[in-house]
């Protein structure tokens, strides 16, 4: 949320990002990382040949599969196309235009 807009972020100040996150966590169930998340992440990286920034996406996919979640809402569904374990959808696909 604090990443600059010109590199695909929201450009929020730290305090504003914290406030937004508090709202999100109050509205949604936040998941904890299971004890084996490191192994799951490693296996997801290996099986999908995720290098660089996609390796961080692989951690999200590992967390999702650990909790039995198979759908992700994202503005960047192409970033998750390599992961057959999940389906990445845009907000427009969910709620329409």
Protein backbone atom coordinates (compact mmCIF):
# COMPACT_ATOMS: atom_id res chain seq x y z
CA UNK A 1 0.00 0.00 0.00
CA UNK A 2 2.95 2.32 0.53
CA UNK A 3 4.66 1.35 -2.72
CA UNK A 4 4.69 4.33 -5.11
CA UNK A 5 1.98 4.47 -7.76
CA UNK A 6 4.52 4.44 -10.60
CA UNK A 7 5.56 0.92 -9.59
CA UNK A 8 2.06 -0.52 -9.25
CA UNK A 9 1.39 0.64 -5.70
CA UNK A 10 -1.14 2.83 -3.97
CA UNK A 11 1.34 5.46 -2.81
CA UNK A 12 -0.17 5.80 0.67
CA UNK A 13 1.64 7.31 3.63
CA UNK A 14 2.49 4.81 6.36
CA UNK A 15 -0.19 6.07 8.74
CA UNK A 16 -2.87 5.91 6.04
CA UNK A 17 -1.81 2.39 5.08
CA UNK A 18 -2.07 1.26 8.71
CA UNK A 19 -5.57 2.72 8.96
CA UNK A 20 -6.62 0.98 5.74
CA UNK A 21 -5.20 -2.34 6.95
CA UNK A 22 -7.10 -2.02 10.23
CA UNK A 23 -10.29 -1.57 8.21
CA UNK A 24 -9.49 -4.60 6.06
CA UNK A 25 -8.66 -6.80 9.03
CA UNK A 26 -11.88 -5.69 10.69
CA UNK A 27 -13.89 -6.66 7.62
CA UNK A 28 -12.23 -9.93 6.63
CA UNK A 29 -10.85 -12.98 8.33
CA UNK A 30 -7.06 -12.74 8.38
CA UNK A 31 -5.20 -16.03 8.01
CA UNK A 32 -2.13 -17.03 9.95
CA UNK A 33 0.86 -18.72 8.39
CA UNK A 34 1.03 -22.42 9.21
CA UNK A 35 4.26 -23.77 10.73
CA UNK A 36 5.22 -25.41 7.42
CA UNK A 37 4.78 -22.29 5.27
CA UNK A 38 8.50 -22.24 4.45
CA UNK A 39 8.36 -25.74 2.99
CA UNK A 40 5.11 -24.99 1.15
CA UNK A 41 6.57 -21.79 -0.29
CA UNK A 42 9.73 -23.60 -1.36
CA UNK A 43 7.74 -26.34 -3.10
CA UNK A 44 5.50 -23.77 -4.82
CA UNK A 45 8.56 -21.85 -6.06
CA UNK A 46 10.17 -25.05 -7.32
CA UNK A 47 7.14 -26.48 -9.05
CA UNK A 48 6.29 -23.18 -10.75
CA UNK A 49 9.84 -21.94 -11.42
CA UNK A 50 9.02 -18.65 -9.69
CA UNK A 51 11.99 -16.27 -9.65
CA UNK A 52 12.24 -12.61 -8.66
CA UNK A 53 8.96 -10.85 -7.83
CA UNK A 54 6.87 -13.94 -8.72
CA UNK A 55 8.50 -15.70 -5.76
CA UNK A 56 6.46 -13.42 -3.48
CA UNK A 57 3.31 -14.37 -5.35
CA UNK A 58 4.30 -18.00 -4.77
CA UNK A 59 4.21 -17.40 -1.01
CA UNK A 60 0.66 -16.09 -1.28
CA UNK A 61 -0.31 -19.15 -3.33
CA UNK A 62 1.34 -21.42 -0.73
CA UNK A 63 -0.63 -19.72 2.05
CA UNK A 64 -3.86 -19.99 0.07
CA UNK A 65 -3.44 -23.70 -0.60
CA UNK A 66 -2.52 -24.31 3.04
CA UNK A 67 -5.93 -22.90 3.97
CA UNK A 68 -7.84 -24.58 1.13
CA UNK A 69 -8.43 -21.32 -0.76
CA UNK A 70 -8.44 -21.63 -4.54
CA UNK A 71 -9.62 -18.20 -5.75
CA UNK A 72 -7.83 -14.87 -5.62
CA UNK A 73 -9.18 -11.43 -6.50
CA UNK A 74 -6.38 -9.35 -8.01
CA UNK A 75 -5.79 -6.48 -10.40
CA UNK A 76 -2.99 -8.57 -11.94
CA UNK A 77 -4.38 -12.00 -12.81
CA UNK A 78 -1.62 -12.64 -15.35
CA UNK A 79 0.88 -12.67 -12.47
CA UNK A 80 -0.84 -15.79 -11.14
CA UNK A 81 -1.45 -17.62 -14.43
CA UNK A 82 1.43 -20.05 -13.74
CA UNK A 83 -0.25 -21.39 -10.59
CA UNK A 84 -2.69 -24.14 -11.51
CA UNK A 85 -3.63 -24.50 -7.84
CA UNK A 86 -5.63 -21.27 -7.89
CA UNK A 87 -7.88 -19.17 -10.10
CA UNK A 88 -7.06 -15.47 -10.23
CA UNK A 89 -10.00 -13.18 -10.95
CA UNK A 90 -10.27 -9.42 -11.38
CA UNK A 91 -12.80 -7.34 -9.44
CA UNK A 92 -14.63 -6.74 -12.73
CA UNK A 93 -15.00 -10.51 -13.18
CA UNK A 94 -16.52 -10.71 -9.71
CA UNK A 95 -18.89 -7.73 -9.68
CA UNK A 96 -19.08 -6.73 -13.35
CA UNK A 97 -18.51 -3.29 -14.80
